[in-house]
Amino acid sequence: MTNELLAEARWFTSSYSNAQGGQCVEVAQLEGARWFTSSYSNAQGGECVEAALFPNAIAVRDSKTPDGPAFVFEGSAWAGFVTSLKSGDL
C-alpha cells in the first residue's frame, strides 16, 4: 500500500518552505528505489520519464531532476490512468 511505502520514506522539509509559511511542505526520499527509464522515453524526448516499482505502488519522476519530486500512485490508480491514456480519454 502507498501509505506503507511513504511511512518508510525519509522525510525532510522542502527548501520552499519557510517560517512565514509554517514550513508546511515536506518531501519524501524513497529509500531503496530502483529507478528505470520508461520504454516510452527516447532520445528525441530526452529520455525524461523514470519509474520505480514498489509492492502495490509505482513512483514516476523526471530523470533530468532525480533529486526533484516523484509522484507515487497506488497500483489500481496507475492502472486506471494507463487505461485512460490508451483509450484516449485523457
Protein backbone atom coordinates (compact mmCIF):
# COMPACT_ATOMS: atom_id res chain seq x y z
CA MET A 1 0.00 0.00 0.00
CA THR A 2 1.19 3.52 -0.73
CA ASN A 3 0.81 4.61 2.91
CA GLU A 4 3.23 1.88 3.99
CA LEU A 5 5.72 2.97 1.32
CA LEU A 6 5.54 6.58 2.48
CA ALA A 7 5.76 5.60 6.15
CA GLU A 8 9.18 4.08 5.42
CA ALA A 9 10.35 7.08 3.40
CA ARG A 10 12.85 9.61 4.73
CA TRP A 11 11.04 12.96 5.08
CA PHE A 12 12.57 16.44 5.06
CA THR A 13 11.24 19.99 4.92
CA SER A 14 11.31 21.43 1.42
CA SER A 15 13.62 24.38 0.78
CA TYR A 16 10.50 26.17 -0.50
CA SER A 17 9.00 26.18 3.00
CA ASN A 18 9.82 29.00 5.38
CA ALA A 19 8.85 30.39 8.77
CA GLN A 20 6.26 32.70 7.18
CA GLY A 21 4.51 29.73 5.57
CA GLY A 22 4.71 27.48 8.58
CA GLN A 23 7.30 25.19 6.99
CA CYS A 24 4.36 23.20 5.72
CA VAL A 25 5.86 21.37 2.72
CA GLU A 26 7.69 18.12 3.29
CA VAL A 27 9.24 15.83 0.72
CA ALA A 28 9.88 12.09 0.98
CA GLN A 29 13.02 10.45 -0.28
CA LEU A 30 12.17 6.95 -1.47
CA GLU A 31 14.97 4.87 0.01
CA GLY A 32 15.98 1.82 -1.96
CA ALA A 33 14.05 2.79 -5.09
CA ARG A 34 15.40 1.16 -8.25
CA TRP A 35 14.60 3.67 -10.99
CA PHE A 36 14.39 2.67 -14.66
CA THR A 37 13.77 4.66 -17.82
CA SER A 38 10.31 4.25 -19.28
CA SER A 39 10.09 2.37 -22.56
CA TYR A 40 8.12 5.37 -23.87
CA SER A 41 11.10 7.70 -23.38
CA ASN A 42 13.51 8.15 -26.27
CA ALA A 43 16.48 10.24 -27.37
CA GLN A 44 14.20 12.79 -29.07
CA GLY A 45 12.34 13.39 -25.82
CA GLY A 46 15.40 13.43 -23.59
CA GLU A 47 14.59 10.03 -22.03
CA CYS A 48 12.98 12.03 -19.26
CA VAL A 49 10.49 9.64 -17.66
CA GLU A 50 11.68 7.22 -14.99
CA ALA A 51 9.68 4.88 -12.79
CA ALA A 52 10.28 2.73 -9.72
CA LEU A 53 8.11 -0.23 -8.78
CA PHE A 54 7.07 -0.99 -5.21
CA PRO A 55 4.62 -3.52 -3.83
CA ASN A 56 1.18 -2.15 -4.79
CA ALA A 57 2.58 1.22 -5.96
CA ILE A 58 4.60 2.95 -8.67
CA ALA A 59 6.63 6.15 -8.46
CA VAL A 60 7.25 8.35 -11.51
CA ARG A 61 9.79 11.18 -11.87
CA ASP A 62 11.66 13.35 -14.37
CA SER A 63 15.10 11.82 -14.94
CA LYS A 64 16.59 15.26 -15.57
CA THR A 65 15.91 16.16 -11.92
CA PRO A 66 16.47 12.91 -9.99
CA ASP A 67 16.53 14.75 -6.67
CA GLY A 68 13.27 16.50 -7.55
CA PRO A 69 9.72 15.38 -6.87
CA ALA A 70 8.24 12.00 -7.71
CA PHE A 71 4.58 11.13 -7.99
CA VAL A 72 3.52 7.96 -6.17
CA PHE A 73 0.41 6.10 -7.29
CA GLU A 74 -1.31 3.08 -5.81
CA GLY A 75 -1.34 0.22 -8.29
CA SER A 76 -5.06 0.48 -9.05
CA ALA A 77 -4.84 4.24 -9.64
CA TRP A 78 -1.89 3.78 -12.00
CA ALA A 79 -3.69 1.01 -13.91
CA GLY A 80 -6.73 3.28 -14.34
CA PHE A 81 -4.52 6.13 -15.54
CA VAL A 82 -2.78 3.94 -18.13
CA THR A 83 -6.11 2.52 -19.33
CA SER A 84 -7.45 6.06 -19.80
CA LEU A 85 -4.34 7.05 -21.76
CA LYS A 86 -4.63 4.04 -24.05
CA SER A 87 -8.30 4.67 -24.73
CA GLY A 88 -7.71 8.38 -25.44
CA ASP A 89 -9.89 9.54 -22.53
CA LEU A 90 -7.19 11.90 -21.22
